[in-house]
C-alpha atoms as a PDB file:
ATOM      1  CA  MET A   1      69.581  39.880  54.647  1.00  0.00           C
ATOM      2  CA  THR A   2      71.100  41.904  57.411  1.00  0.00           C
ATOM      3  CA  SER A   3      74.841  41.726  57.712  1.00  0.00           C
ATOM      4  CA  ASN A   4      76.264  40.624  61.067  1.00  0.00           C
ATOM      5  CA  GLN A   5      79.307  42.818  60.520  1.00  0.00           C
ATOM      6  CA  PRO A   6      79.319  45.519  63.211  1.00  0.00           C
ATOM      7  CA  ARG A   7      78.640  48.993  62.038  1.00  0.00           C
ATOM      8  CA  PRO A   8      81.613  51.343  62.513  1.00  0.00           C
ATOM      9  CA  ARG A   9      80.948  53.768  65.327  1.00  0.00           C
ATOM     10  CA  THR A  10      81.894  57.391  65.096  1.00  0.00           C
ATOM     11  CA  ARG A  11      82.969  59.573  67.927  1.00  0.00           C
ATOM     12  CA  LEU A  12      84.207  63.026  68.746  1.00  0.00           C
ATOM     13  CA  SER A  13      87.954  63.300  68.448  1.00  0.00           C
ATOM     14  CA  LEU A  14      90.107  65.614  70.499  1.00  0.00           C
ATOM     15  CA  ARG A  15      93.394  65.342  68.667  1.00  0.00           C
ATOM     16  CA  SER A  16      95.263  67.857  70.751  1.00  0.00           C
ATOM     17  CA  ASN A  17      98.656  66.515  69.694  1.00  0.00           C
ATOM     18  CA  SER A  18      98.168  67.193  66.014  1.00  0.00           C
ATOM     19  CA  VAL A  19      95.545  69.893  65.621  1.00  0.00           C
ATOM     20  CA  HIS A  20      93.944  72.724  67.534  1.00  0.00           C
ATOM     21  CA  TYR A  21      92.354  71.896  70.859  1.00  0.00           C
ATOM     22  CA  ASP A  22      88.847  72.669  69.597  1.00  0.00           C
ATOM     23  CA  SER A  23      89.131  70.631  66.397  1.00  0.00           C
ATOM     24  CA  LEU A  24      86.706  67.772  65.737  1.00  0.00           C
ATOM     25  CA  SER A  25      86.847  64.827  63.375  1.00  0.00           C
ATOM     26  CA  THR A  26      84.644  64.888  60.283  1.00  0.00           C
ATOM     27  CA  GLU A  27      82.723  61.852  61.534  1.00  0.00           C
ATOM     28  CA  GLN A  28      79.259  62.397  62.979  1.00  0.00           C
ATOM     29  CA  PRO A  29      78.500  61.262  66.533  1.00  0.00           C
ATOM     30  CA  ASP A  30      76.438  58.162  66.996  1.00  0.00           C
ATOM     31  CA  SER A  31      72.829  58.795  67.923  1.00  0.00           C
ATOM     32  CA  ASP A  32      73.222  56.568  71.001  1.00  0.00           C
ATOM     33  CA  THR A  33      76.153  58.583  72.336  1.00  0.00           C
ATOM     34  CA  PRO A  34      75.074  61.510  74.510  1.00  0.00           C
ATOM     35  CA  PHE A  35      76.547  64.853  73.480  1.00  0.00           C
ATOM     36  CA  MET A  36      78.315  66.510  76.397  1.00  0.00           C
ATOM     37  CA  ARG A  37      78.372  70.287  76.337  1.00  0.00           C
ATOM     38  CA  THR A  38      80.331  72.467  78.704  1.00  0.00           C
ATOM     39  CA  ASN A  39      78.500  75.499  79.971  1.00  0.00           C
ATOM     40  CA  PRO A  40      80.528  78.718  80.020  1.00  0.00           C
ATOM     41  CA  ILE A  41      81.267  80.447  83.305  1.00  0.00           C
ATOM     42  CA  SER A  42      78.503  82.829  84.263  1.00  0.00           C
ATOM     43  CA  GLN A  43      79.148  86.555  84.397  1.00  0.00           C
ATOM     44  CA  LYS A  44      78.390  86.663  88.116  1.00  0.00           C
ATOM     45  CA  ARG A  45      80.909  83.914  88.816  1.00  0.00           C
ATOM     46  CA  SER A  46      83.527  85.712  86.716  1.00  0.00           C
ATOM     47  CA  TYR A  47      83.103  88.897  88.750  1.00  0.00           C
ATOM     48  CA  ILE A  48      83.396  86.971  92.010  1.00  0.00           C
ATOM     49  CA  THR A  49      86.576  85.257  90.789  1.00  0.00           C
ATOM     50  CA  VAL A  50      88.187  88.552  89.801  1.00  0.00           C
ATOM     51  CA  ALA A  51      87.211  90.116  93.143  1.00  0.00           C
ATOM     52  CA  VAL A  52      88.765  87.238  95.099  1.00  0.00           C
ATOM     53  CA  LEU A  53      91.985  87.404  93.067  1.00  0.00           C
ATOM     54  CA  CYS A  54      92.221  91.177  93.587  1.00  0.00           C
ATOM     55  CA  TYR A  55      91.720  90.751  97.327  1.00  0.00           C
ATOM     56  CA  ILE A  56      94.430  88.076  97.524  1.00  0.00           C
ATOM     57  CA  ASN A  57      96.826  90.279  95.558  1.00  0.00           C
ATOM     58  CA  LEU A  58      96.148  93.215  97.888  1.00  0.00           C
ATOM     59  CA  LEU A  59      97.006  91.049 100.888  1.00  0.00           C
ATOM     60  CA  ASN A  60     100.150  89.886  99.104  1.00  0.00           C
ATOM     61  CA  TYR A  61     101.427  93.444  98.645  1.00  0.00           C
ATOM     62  CA  MET A  62     100.140  94.917 101.918  1.00  0.00           C
ATOM     63  CA  ASP A  63     103.052  93.818 104.102  1.00  0.00           C
ATOM     64  CA  ARG A  64     105.674  95.076 101.659  1.00  0.00           C
ATOM     65  CA  TYR A  65     104.841  98.749 102.176  1.00  0.00           C
ATOM     66  CA  THR A  66     103.911  98.713 105.855  1.00  0.00           C
ATOM     67  CA  ILE A  67     107.492  99.466 106.889  1.00  0.00           C
ATOM     68  CA  ALA A  68     107.701 102.470 104.548  1.00  0.00           C
ATOM     69  CA  GLY A  69     104.924 104.235 106.453  1.00  0.00           C
ATOM     70  CA  VAL A  70     106.717 104.029 109.803  1.00  0.00           C
ATOM     71  CA  LEU A  71     110.322 103.968 108.612  1.00  0.00           C
ATOM     72  CA  LEU A  72     111.424 107.019 110.610  1.00  0.00           C
ATOM     73  CA  SER A  73     110.028 105.533 113.798  1.00  0.00           C
ATOM     74  CA  ILE A  74     111.796 102.232 113.118  1.00  0.00           C
ATOM     75  CA  GLN A  75     115.105 103.990 112.466  1.00  0.00           C
ATOM     76  CA  ASN A  76     114.869 105.995 115.684  1.00  0.00           C
ATOM     77  CA  TYR A  77     113.753 103.059 117.809  1.00  0.00           C
ATOM     78  CA  PHE A  78     116.400 100.596 116.612  1.00  0.00           C
ATOM     79  CA  GLY A  79     119.072 103.180 115.776  1.00  0.00           C
ATOM     80  CA  ILE A  80     119.685 101.923 112.239  1.00  0.00           C
ATOM     81  CA  PRO A  81     121.026 103.982 109.282  1.00  0.00           C
ATOM     82  CA  ASP A  82     119.534 104.286 105.808  1.00  0.00           C
ATOM     83  CA  SER A  83     121.669 101.494 104.369  1.00  0.00           C
ATOM     84  CA  THR A  84     120.327  98.960 106.865  1.00  0.00           C
ATOM     85  CA  SER A  85     116.787 100.317 106.555  1.00  0.00           C
ATOM     86  CA  GLY A  86     116.739  99.530 102.846  1.00  0.00           C
ATOM     87  CA  LEU A  87     117.740  95.973 103.667  1.00  0.00           C
ATOM     88  CA  LEU A  88     114.455  95.516 105.588  1.00  0.00           C
ATOM     89  CA  GLN A  89     112.407  95.666 102.392  1.00  0.00           C
ATOM     90  CA  THR A  90     114.883  93.416 100.618  1.00  0.00           C
ATOM     91  CA  GLY A  91     114.582  90.820 103.372  1.00  0.00           C
ATOM     92  CA  ILE A  92     110.787  90.841 103.219  1.00  0.00           C
ATOM     93  CA  SER A  93     110.734  90.403  99.445  1.00  0.00           C
ATOM     94  CA  LEU A  94     113.275  87.594  99.509  1.00  0.00           C
ATOM     95  CA  THR A  95     111.394  85.862 102.311  1.00  0.00           C
ATOM     96  CA  ASN A  96     108.121  86.011 100.381  1.00  0.00           C
ATOM     97  CA  MET A  97     109.835  84.835  97.243  1.00  0.00           C
ATOM     98  CA  SER A  98     109.939  81.107  96.622  1.00  0.00           C
ATOM     99  CA  ILE A  99     111.290  79.043  93.775  1.00  0.00           C
ATOM    100  CA  TYR A 100     108.375  79.746  91.439  1.00  0.00           C
ATOM    101  CA  CYS A 101     109.449  77.546  88.593  1.00  0.00           C
ATOM    102  CA  VAL A 102     112.141  75.629  86.780  1.00  0.00           C
ATOM    103  CA  LEU A 103     113.392  77.624  83.829  1.00  0.00           C
ATOM    104  CA  ASP A 104     111.674  76.600  80.603  1.00  0.00           C
ATOM    105  CA  LEU A 105     114.336  77.182  77.977  1.00  0.00           C
ATOM    106  CA  CYS A 106     111.731  77.397  75.228  1.00  0.00           C
ATOM    107  CA  LEU A 107     110.595  80.724  76.694  1.00  0.00           C
ATOM    108  CA  LEU A 108     113.970  82.236  75.856  1.00  0.00           C
ATOM    109  CA  PHE A 109     113.180  81.942  72.158  1.00  0.00           C
ATOM    110  CA  SER A 110     110.414  84.527  72.589  1.00  0.00           C
ATOM    111  CA  ARG A 111     112.289  87.796  72.376  1.00  0.00           C
ATOM    112  CA  SER A 112     109.158  89.723  73.311  1.00  0.00           C
ATOM    113  CA  PHE A 113     108.914  87.798  76.565  1.00  0.00           C
ATOM    114  CA  VAL A 114     112.564  88.418  77.422  1.00  0.00           C
ATOM    115  CA  TRP A 115     112.504  92.153  76.671  1.00  0.00           C
ATOM    116  CA  SER A 116     109.130  92.721  78.342  1.00  0.00           C
ATOM    117  CA  SER A 117     110.379  90.868  81.440  1.00  0.00           C
ATOM    118  CA  LEU A 118     113.362  93.220  81.582  1.00  0.00           C
ATOM    119  CA  GLY A 119     110.958  96.148  81.263  1.00  0.00           C
ATOM    120  CA  VAL A 120     108.817  94.811  84.105  1.00  0.00           C
ATOM    121  CA  THR A 121     111.955  94.423  86.221  1.00  0.00           C
ATOM    122  CA  ALA A 122     112.914  98.066  85.657  1.00  0.00           C
ATOM    123  CA  MET A 123     109.373  99.109  86.509  1.00  0.00           C
ATOM    124  CA  ALA A 124     109.435  97.068  89.724  1.00  0.00           C
ATOM    125  CA  PHE A 125     112.781  98.641  90.635  1.00  0.00           C
ATOM    126  CA  VAL A 126     111.347 102.156  90.346  1.00  0.00           C
ATOM    127  CA  THR A 127     108.066 101.444  92.137  1.00  0.00           C
ATOM    128  CA  GLY A 128     109.759  99.519  94.941  1.00  0.00           C
ATOM    129  CA  ALA A 129     112.362 102.192  95.640  1.00  0.00           C
ATOM    130  CA  LEU A 130     109.906 105.089  95.481  1.00  0.00           C
ATOM    131  CA  ALA A 131     107.292 103.328  97.595  1.00  0.00           C
ATOM    132  CA  PHE A 132     109.830 102.619 100.323  1.00  0.00           C
ATOM    133  CA  TRP A 133     111.798 105.878 100.452  1.00  0.00           C
ATOM    134  CA  THR A 134     109.391 108.636  99.313  1.00  0.00           C
ATOM    135  CA  PRO A 135     107.662 109.224 102.711  1.00  0.00           C
ATOM    136  CA  THR A 136     111.051 109.535 104.448  1.00  0.00           C
ATOM    137  CA  PHE A 137     112.384 111.720 101.644  1.00  0.00           C
ATOM    138  CA  LEU A 138     109.426 114.116 101.864  1.00  0.00           C
ATOM    139  CA  SER A 139     109.709 114.276 105.637  1.00  0.00           C
ATOM    140  CA  ARG A 140     113.381 115.265 105.390  1.00  0.00           C
ATOM    141  CA  ALA A 141     112.489 117.815 102.705  1.00  0.00           C
ATOM    142  CA  GLN A 142     110.063 119.526 105.076  1.00  0.00           C
ATOM    143  CA  VAL A 143     112.706 119.562 107.804  1.00  0.00           C
ATOM    144  CA  THR A 144     115.097 121.231 105.335  1.00  0.00           C
ATOM    145  CA  GLN A 145     112.479 123.875 104.509  1.00  0.00           C
ATOM    146  CA  GLY A 146     111.827 124.509 108.196  1.00  0.00           C
ATOM    147  CA  LEU A 147     108.231 123.286 108.013  1.00  0.00           C
ATOM    148  CA  ARG A 148     108.729 120.761 110.829  1.00  0.00           C
ATOM    149  CA  PRO A 149     111.427 119.834 113.352  1.00  0.00           C
ATOM    150  CA  PRO A 150     113.593 116.731 112.876  1.00  0.00           C
ATOM    151  CA  CYS A 151     112.140 113.522 114.265  1.00  0.00           C
ATOM    152  CA  LYS A 152     114.483 112.440 117.050  1.00  0.00           C
ATOM    153  CA  GLU A 153     112.289 109.800 118.675  1.00  0.00           C
ATOM    154  CA  GLU A 154     109.275 107.797 117.649  1.00  0.00           C
ATOM    155  CA  PRO A 155     106.422 108.100 116.886  1.00  0.00           C
ATOM    156  CA  CYS A 156     107.137 110.433 113.970  1.00  0.00           C
ATOM    157  CA  ASN A 157     104.539 112.421 112.039  1.00  0.00           C
ATOM    158  CA  PRO A 158     102.883 109.960 109.584  1.00  0.00           C
ATOM    159  CA  LEU A 159     101.137 112.606 107.439  1.00  0.00           C
ATOM    160  CA  ASP A 160     103.501 112.178 104.471  1.00  0.00           C
ATOM    161  CA  SER A 161     102.906 108.429 104.477  1.00  0.00           C
ATOM    162  CA  TYR A 162      99.128 108.921 104.400  1.00  0.00           C
ATOM    163  CA  ILE A 163      99.261 111.460 101.573  1.00  0.00           C
ATOM    164  CA  PHE A 164     101.676 109.404  99.498  1.00  0.00           C
ATOM    165  CA  GLY A 165      99.630 106.252 100.095  1.00  0.00           C
ATOM    166  CA  ALA A 166      96.424 107.974  98.963  1.00  0.00           C
ATOM    167  CA  ILE A 167      98.157 109.287  95.837  1.00  0.00           C
ATOM    168  CA  THR A 168      99.476 105.809  95.041  1.00  0.00           C
ATOM    169  CA  VAL A 169      96.025 104.210  95.354  1.00  0.00           C
ATOM    170  CA  VAL A 170      94.211 106.824  93.253  1.00  0.00           C
ATOM    171  CA  THR A 171      96.846 107.080  90.521  1.00  0.00           C
ATOM    172  CA  GLY A 172      97.112 103.291  90.339  1.00  0.00           C
ATOM    173  CA  ILE A 173      93.387 102.909  89.679  1.00  0.00           C
ATOM    174  CA  VAL A 174      93.300 105.778  87.174  1.00  0.00           C
ATOM    175  CA  GLY A 175      96.419 104.554  85.377  1.00  0.00           C
ATOM    176  CA  VAL A 176      95.171 100.976  84.993  1.00  0.00           C
ATOM    177  CA  PHE A 177      91.826 102.056  83.539  1.00  0.00           C
ATOM    178  CA  LEU A 178      93.455 104.644  81.278  1.00  0.00           C
ATOM    179  CA  GLY A 179      96.058 102.189  80.002  1.00  0.00           C
ATOM    180  CA  THR A 180      93.400  99.570  79.259  1.00  0.00           C
ATOM    181  CA  TYR A 181      91.270 102.105  77.372  1.00  0.00           C
ATOM    182  CA  ILE A 182      94.175 103.373  75.253  1.00  0.00           C
ATOM    183  CA  SER A 183      95.226  99.810  74.464  1.00  0.00           C
ATOM    184  CA  LYS A 184      91.743  98.868  73.264  1.00  0.00           C
ATOM    185  CA  GLN A 185      91.591 101.935  71.041  1.00  0.00           C
ATOM    186  CA  LEU A 186      94.965 101.380  69.383  1.00  0.00           C
ATOM    187  CA  ARG A 187      95.381  97.598  69.336  1.00  0.00           C
ATOM    188  CA  ASP A 188      93.404  96.983  66.130  1.00  0.00           C
ATOM    189  CA  ARG A 189      95.196  99.723  64.211  1.00  0.00           C
ATOM    190  CA  LEU A 190      98.686  99.229  65.619  1.00  0.00           C
ATOM    191  CA  PRO A 191      99.867  95.632  66.206  1.00  0.00           C
ATOM    192  CA  ASN A 192     102.629  96.683  68.598  1.00  0.00           C
ATOM    193  CA  ALA A 193     100.528  99.249  70.469  1.00  0.00           C
ATOM    194  CA  ASP A 194     100.807  97.538  73.862  1.00  0.00           C
ATOM    195  CA  PRO A 195     104.605  97.655  74.283  1.00  0.00           C
ATOM    196  CA  LEU A 196     104.666 101.167  72.815  1.00  0.00           C
ATOM    197  CA  ILE A 197     102.185 102.333  75.458  1.00  0.00           C
ATOM    198  CA  CYS A 198     104.387 100.762  78.137  1.00  0.00           C
ATOM    199  CA  ALA A 199     107.468 102.453  76.685  1.00  0.00           C
ATOM    200  CA  VAL A 200     105.795 105.861  76.530  1.00  0.00           C
ATOM    201  CA  GLY A 201     104.508 105.423  80.074  1.00  0.00           C
ATOM    202  CA  MET A 202     107.963 104.584  81.433  1.00  0.00           C
ATOM    203  CA  LEU A 203     109.801 107.282  79.484  1.00  0.00           C
ATOM    204  CA  SER A 204     107.297 110.029  80.292  1.00  0.00           C
ATOM    205  CA  SER A 205     107.129 109.142  83.995  1.00  0.00           C
ATOM    206  CA  SER A 206     110.897 109.472  84.446  1.00  0.00           C
ATOM    207  CA  PRO A 207     111.025 113.275  83.858  1.00  0.00           C
ATOM    208  CA  CYS A 208     108.083 113.686  86.239  1.00  0.00           C
ATOM    209  CA  PHE A 209     109.892 111.807  88.992  1.00  0.00           C
ATOM    210  CA  PHE A 210     113.089 113.749  88.293  1.00  0.00           C
ATOM    211  CA  ILE A 211     111.274 117.091  88.591  1.00  0.00           C
ATOM    212  CA  ALA A 212     109.508 115.914  91.755  1.00  0.00           C
ATOM    213  CA  ILE A 213     112.825 114.976  93.373  1.00  0.00           C
ATOM    214  CA  ILE A 214     114.423 118.318  92.463  1.00  0.00           C
ATOM    215  CA  LEU A 215     111.414 120.391  93.610  1.00  0.00           C
ATOM    216  CA  ALA A 216     111.234 118.664  97.001  1.00  0.00           C
ATOM    217  CA  ALA A 217     113.721 121.147  98.454  1.00  0.00           C
ATOM    218  CA  THR A 218     111.518 124.147  97.610  1.00  0.00           C
ATOM    219  CA  SER A 219     107.869 123.096  97.149  1.00  0.00           C
ATOM    220  CA  ILE A 220     106.145 120.082  98.703  1.00  0.00           C
ATOM    221  CA  PRO A 221     102.791 120.618  96.843  1.00  0.00           C
ATOM    222  CA  ALA A 222     104.589 120.725  93.485  1.00  0.00           C
ATOM    223  CA  THR A 223     106.461 117.566  94.450  1.00  0.00           C
ATOM    224  CA  TYR A 224     103.221 115.739  95.219  1.00  0.00           C
ATOM    225  CA  THR A 225     101.751 116.942  91.911  1.00  0.00           C
ATOM    226  CA  PHE A 226     104.583 115.563  89.803  1.00  0.00           C
ATOM    227  CA  ILE A 227     104.640 112.343  91.824  1.00  0.00           C
ATOM    228  CA  ALA A 228     100.943 111.871  91.051  1.00  0.00           C
ATOM    229  CA  ILE A 229     101.487 112.497  87.325  1.00  0.00           C
ATOM    230  CA  GLY A 230     104.487 110.166  87.221  1.00  0.00           C
ATOM    231  CA  GLU A 231     102.718 107.348  89.052  1.00  0.00           C
ATOM    232  CA  THR A 232      99.691 107.658  86.757  1.00  0.00           C
ATOM    233  CA  LEU A 233     101.916 107.322  83.689  1.00  0.00           C
ATOM    234  CA  LEU A 234     103.775 104.417  85.277  1.00  0.00           C
ATOM    235  CA  SER A 235     100.502 102.648  86.108  1.00  0.00           C
ATOM    236  CA  LEU A 236      99.473 102.609  82.442  1.00  0.00           C
ATOM    237  CA  ASN A 237     101.549  99.449  82.093  1.00  0.00           C
ATOM    238  CA  TRP A 238     100.101  97.119  84.722  1.00  0.00           C
ATOM    239  CA  ALA A 239      97.105  95.695  82.846  1.00  0.00           C
ATOM    240  CA  ILE A 240      98.862  95.765  79.469  1.00  0.00           C
ATOM    241  CA  LEU A 241     101.819  93.721  80.696  1.00  0.00           C
ATOM    242  CA  ALA A 242      99.540  90.803  81.519  1.00  0.00           C
ATOM    243  CA  ASP A 243      98.089  90.898  77.992  1.00  0.00           C
ATOM    244  CA  ILE A 244     101.545  90.889  76.414  1.00  0.00           C
ATOM    245  CA  LEU A 245     102.536  87.756  78.298  1.00  0.00           C
ATOM    246  CA  LEU A 246      99.287  85.982  77.428  1.00  0.00           C
ATOM    247  CA  TYR A 247      99.505  86.421  73.675  1.00  0.00           C
ATOM    248  CA  VAL A 248     103.241  85.826  73.147  1.00  0.00           C
ATOM    249  CA  VAL A 249     103.349  82.602  75.205  1.00  0.00           C
ATOM    250  CA  VAL A 250     101.341  79.476  74.380  1.00  0.00           C
ATOM    251  CA  PRO A 251      98.842  78.273  77.024  1.00  0.00           C
ATOM    252  CA  THR A 252     100.940  75.288  78.100  1.00  0.00           C
ATOM    253  CA  ARG A 253     103.838  77.583  79.083  1.00  0.00           C
ATOM    254  CA  ARG A 254     101.976  80.568  80.516  1.00  0.00           C
ATOM    255  CA  ALA A 255     102.120  79.428  84.135  1.00  0.00           C
ATOM    256  CA  THR A 256     105.874  78.896  83.869  1.00  0.00           C
ATOM    257  CA  ALA A 257     106.329  82.210  82.075  1.00  0.00           C
ATOM    258  CA  GLU A 258     104.311  84.092  84.696  1.00  0.00           C
ATOM    259  CA  ALA A 259     106.231  82.488  87.561  1.00  0.00           C
ATOM    260  CA  LEU A 260     109.579  83.186  85.913  1.00  0.00           C
ATOM    261  CA  GLN A 261     108.674  86.808  85.221  1.00  0.00           C
ATOM    262  CA  ILE A 262     107.465  87.367  88.787  1.00  0.00           C
ATOM    263  CA  MET A 263     110.625  85.845  90.226  1.00  0.00           C
ATOM    264  CA  VAL A 264     112.962  87.891  88.027  1.00  0.00           C
ATOM    265  CA  CYS A 265     111.158  91.227  88.439  1.00  0.00           C
ATOM    266  CA  HIS A 266     111.081  90.913  92.233  1.00  0.00           C
ATOM    267  CA  LEU A 267     114.586  89.499  92.583  1.00  0.00           C
ATOM    268  CA  LEU A 268     116.211  92.176  90.412  1.00  0.00           C
ATOM    269  CA  GLY A 269     113.575  94.856  90.974  1.00  0.00           C
ATOM    270  CA  ASP A 270     111.776  95.830  94.163  1.00  0.00           C
ATOM    271  CA  ALA A 271     113.623  93.309  96.344  1.00  0.00           C
ATOM    272  CA  GLY A 272     116.957  95.064  95.912  1.00  0.00           C
ATOM    273  CA  SER A 273     116.131  98.651  94.957  1.00  0.00           C
ATOM    274  CA  PRO A 274     115.381  99.930  98.510  1.00  0.00           C
ATOM    275  CA  TYR A 275     118.660  98.470  99.751  1.00  0.00           C
ATOM    276  CA  LEU A 276     120.580  99.886  96.786  1.00  0.00           C
ATOM    277  CA  ILE A 277     119.159 103.365  97.431  1.00  0.00           C
ATOM    278  CA  GLY A 278     120.073 103.043 101.112  1.00  0.00           C
ATOM    279  CA  ILE A 279     123.613 101.933 100.284  1.00  0.00           C
ATOM    280  CA  SER A 280     124.034 104.852  97.873  1.00  0.00           C
ATOM    281  CA  ASP A 281     122.808 107.174 100.599  1.00  0.00           C
ATOM    282  CA  ALA A 282     125.324 105.748 103.075  1.00  0.00           C
ATOM    283  CA  LEU A 283     128.235 106.154 100.631  1.00  0.00           C
ATOM    284  CA  LEU A 284     127.599 109.912 100.549  1.00  0.00           C
ATOM    285  CA  LYS A 285     127.738 110.231 104.326  1.00  0.00           C
ATOM    286  CA  TYR A 286     130.051 112.844 105.809  1.00  0.00           C
ATOM    287  CA  ASP A 287     131.537 112.965 109.297  1.00  0.00           C
ATOM    288  CA  GLN A 288     129.494 116.029 110.233  1.00  0.00           C
ATOM    289  CA  GLU A 289     125.810 115.233 109.964  1.00  0.00           C
ATOM    290  CA  SER A 290     123.033 117.784 109.478  1.00  0.00           C
ATOM    291  CA  PRO A 291     119.322 117.551 108.523  1.00  0.00           C
ATOM    292  CA  HIS A 292     120.099 119.384 105.289  1.00  0.00           C
ATOM    293  CA  TRP A 293     122.780 116.892 104.251  1.00  0.00           C
ATOM    294  CA  ASP A 294     120.590 113.950 105.283  1.00  0.00           C
ATOM    295  CA  PHE A 295     118.026 115.210 102.791  1.00  0.00           C
ATOM    296  CA  ARG A 296     120.603 115.822 100.044  1.00  0.00           C
ATOM    297  CA  ARG A 297     122.142 112.360 100.402  1.00  0.00           C
ATOM    298  CA  LEU A 298     118.781 110.683  99.952  1.00  0.00           C
ATOM    299  CA  GLU A 299     117.912 113.043  97.096  1.00  0.00           C
ATOM    300  CA  TYR A 300     121.037 112.120  95.132  1.00  0.00           C
ATOM    301  CA  SER A 301     120.413 108.416  95.744  1.00  0.00           C
ATOM    302  CA  ILE A 302     116.765 108.468  94.605  1.00  0.00           C
ATOM    303  CA  LEU A 303     117.823 110.110  91.329  1.00  0.00           C
ATOM    304  CA  LEU A 304     118.778 106.586  90.269  1.00  0.00           C
ATOM    305  CA  CYS A 305     115.057 105.802  89.817  1.00  0.00           C
ATOM    306  CA  PRO A 306     114.434 108.068  86.771  1.00  0.00           C
ATOM    307  CA  ILE A 307     117.530 106.614  85.114  1.00  0.00           C
ATOM    308  CA  ILE A 308     116.252 103.058  85.577  1.00  0.00           C
ATOM    309  CA  GLY A 309     112.853 104.232  84.293  1.00  0.00           C
ATOM    310  CA  ILE A 310     114.422 105.404  81.038  1.00  0.00           C
ATOM    311  CA  LEU A 311     116.194 102.064  80.718  1.00  0.00           C
ATOM    312  CA  GLY A 312     112.852 100.293  81.192  1.00  0.00           C
ATOM    313  CA  GLY A 313     111.322 102.379  78.415  1.00  0.00           C
ATOM    314  CA  VAL A 314     114.106 101.240  76.084  1.00  0.00           C
ATOM    315  CA  PHE A 315     113.354  97.611  76.988  1.00  0.00           C
ATOM    316  CA  PHE A 316     109.694  98.071  76.049  1.00  0.00           C
ATOM    317  CA  PHE A 317     110.676  99.696  72.753  1.00  0.00           C
ATOM    318  CA  MET A 318     112.747  96.606  72.016  1.00  0.00           C
ATOM    319  CA  THR A 319     109.674  94.506  72.816  1.00  0.00           C
ATOM    320  CA  SER A 320     107.667  96.419  70.209  1.00  0.00           C
ATOM    321  CA  LEU A 321     110.148  95.378  67.502  1.00  0.00           C
ATOM    322  CA  TYR A 322     109.483  91.650  67.974  1.00  0.00           C
ATOM    323  CA  ILE A 323     105.989  91.363  69.414  1.00  0.00           C
ATOM    324  CA  LYS A 324     104.155  91.017  66.096  1.00  0.00           C
ATOM    325  CA  GLU A 325     106.370  88.141  64.978  1.00  0.00           C
ATOM    326  CA  ASP A 326     106.307  86.388  68.356  1.00  0.00           C
ATOM    327  CA  ARG A 327     102.544  86.719  68.667  1.00  0.00           C
ATOM    328  CA  LYS A 328     102.057  85.130  65.255  1.00  0.00           C
ATOM    329  CA  ALA A 329     104.453  82.308  66.179  1.00  0.00           C
ATOM    330  CA  ALA A 330     102.515  81.645  69.391  1.00  0.00           C
ATOM    331  CA  GLU A 331      99.222  81.510  67.476  1.00  0.00           C
ATOM    332  CA  LEU A 332     100.679  79.072  64.941  1.00  0.00           C
ATOM    333  CA  LEU A 333     102.050  76.833  67.675  1.00  0.00           C
ATOM    334  CA  ASN A 334      98.734  76.948  69.490  1.00  0.00           C
ATOM    335  CA  SER A 335      96.926  75.908  66.311  1.00  0.00           C
ATOM    336  CA  GLY A 336      99.091  72.798  65.938  1.00  0.00           C
ATOM    337  CA  ASN A 337     101.981  73.946  63.783  1.00  0.00           C
ATOM    338  CA  ASN A 338     105.293  73.180  65.452  1.00  0.00           C
ATOM    339  CA  VAL A 339     106.937  76.549  65.174  1.00  0.00           C
ATOM    340  CA  LEU A 340     109.925  77.191  67.397  1.00  0.00           C
ATOM    341  CA  LEU A 341     108.898  79.926  69.795  1.00  0.00           C
END
């Protein structure tokens, strides 16, 4: 006789609250239940997605450095000093900045995230200040050397802006690819390779920027050379920083962590550094102005950038001390073990 008792049905179980997201129950699926399978994203679609994201990011950063290319013309047209000029970049960054997130206190338990965020902030400070003031600084250096007359009315000669912009683009591309390659080569052998690469990049770029600033009074080609070397070393960090955030923060908190890091690094980094350099320049102002002293004032102010770069390298070294432990904690939490991160 056939029993009328219903046969227990089995099903796939996604017990995301207790086990890993991909875990399945030991029961076999019923033959009547269709098996749904998710197709992975095609390679072509992945390339298109990356291209769109890169294009959006380029548009996001394009307006921030437009003023730097025509800063001398803006100063002459509106009659504003260096201190107020630096505030222009600060205003743009603060305007673009929104309240990205509500602080997730759990992120503060990840020491790697905290220290790496401080390192990113120092890096943003250096890049923001140099990107804004370097074309003006080089123009004043050439006036000091007698290579060109002072710009009294706009439009001013934009050659320095073009050269510096080309150097920034090329060194950025080279640095990102080089940093990614070095990270792939060392990551399997050295668990804390990524923050160490960032630390070495920051610490080694600071002397290059210092030498470039000092040589600006005597040799413009040598200045451009050391700027290119320093920006290449600084650009080693960009791709690696994203990896660090991804593997020390669990997936459910990554969006919050990314938003928090972006907000902090812009608020304390490139949003205020141009204004701070301009204020420092204004504090050194004498009653009797001269093109030579205009150059020296800005030179002494920009020397703050290598100092902040060294501080950023220290932050990344601190990250390397905790990243192995924090990465393991994130993996355990992601697999279902409630480890305090």
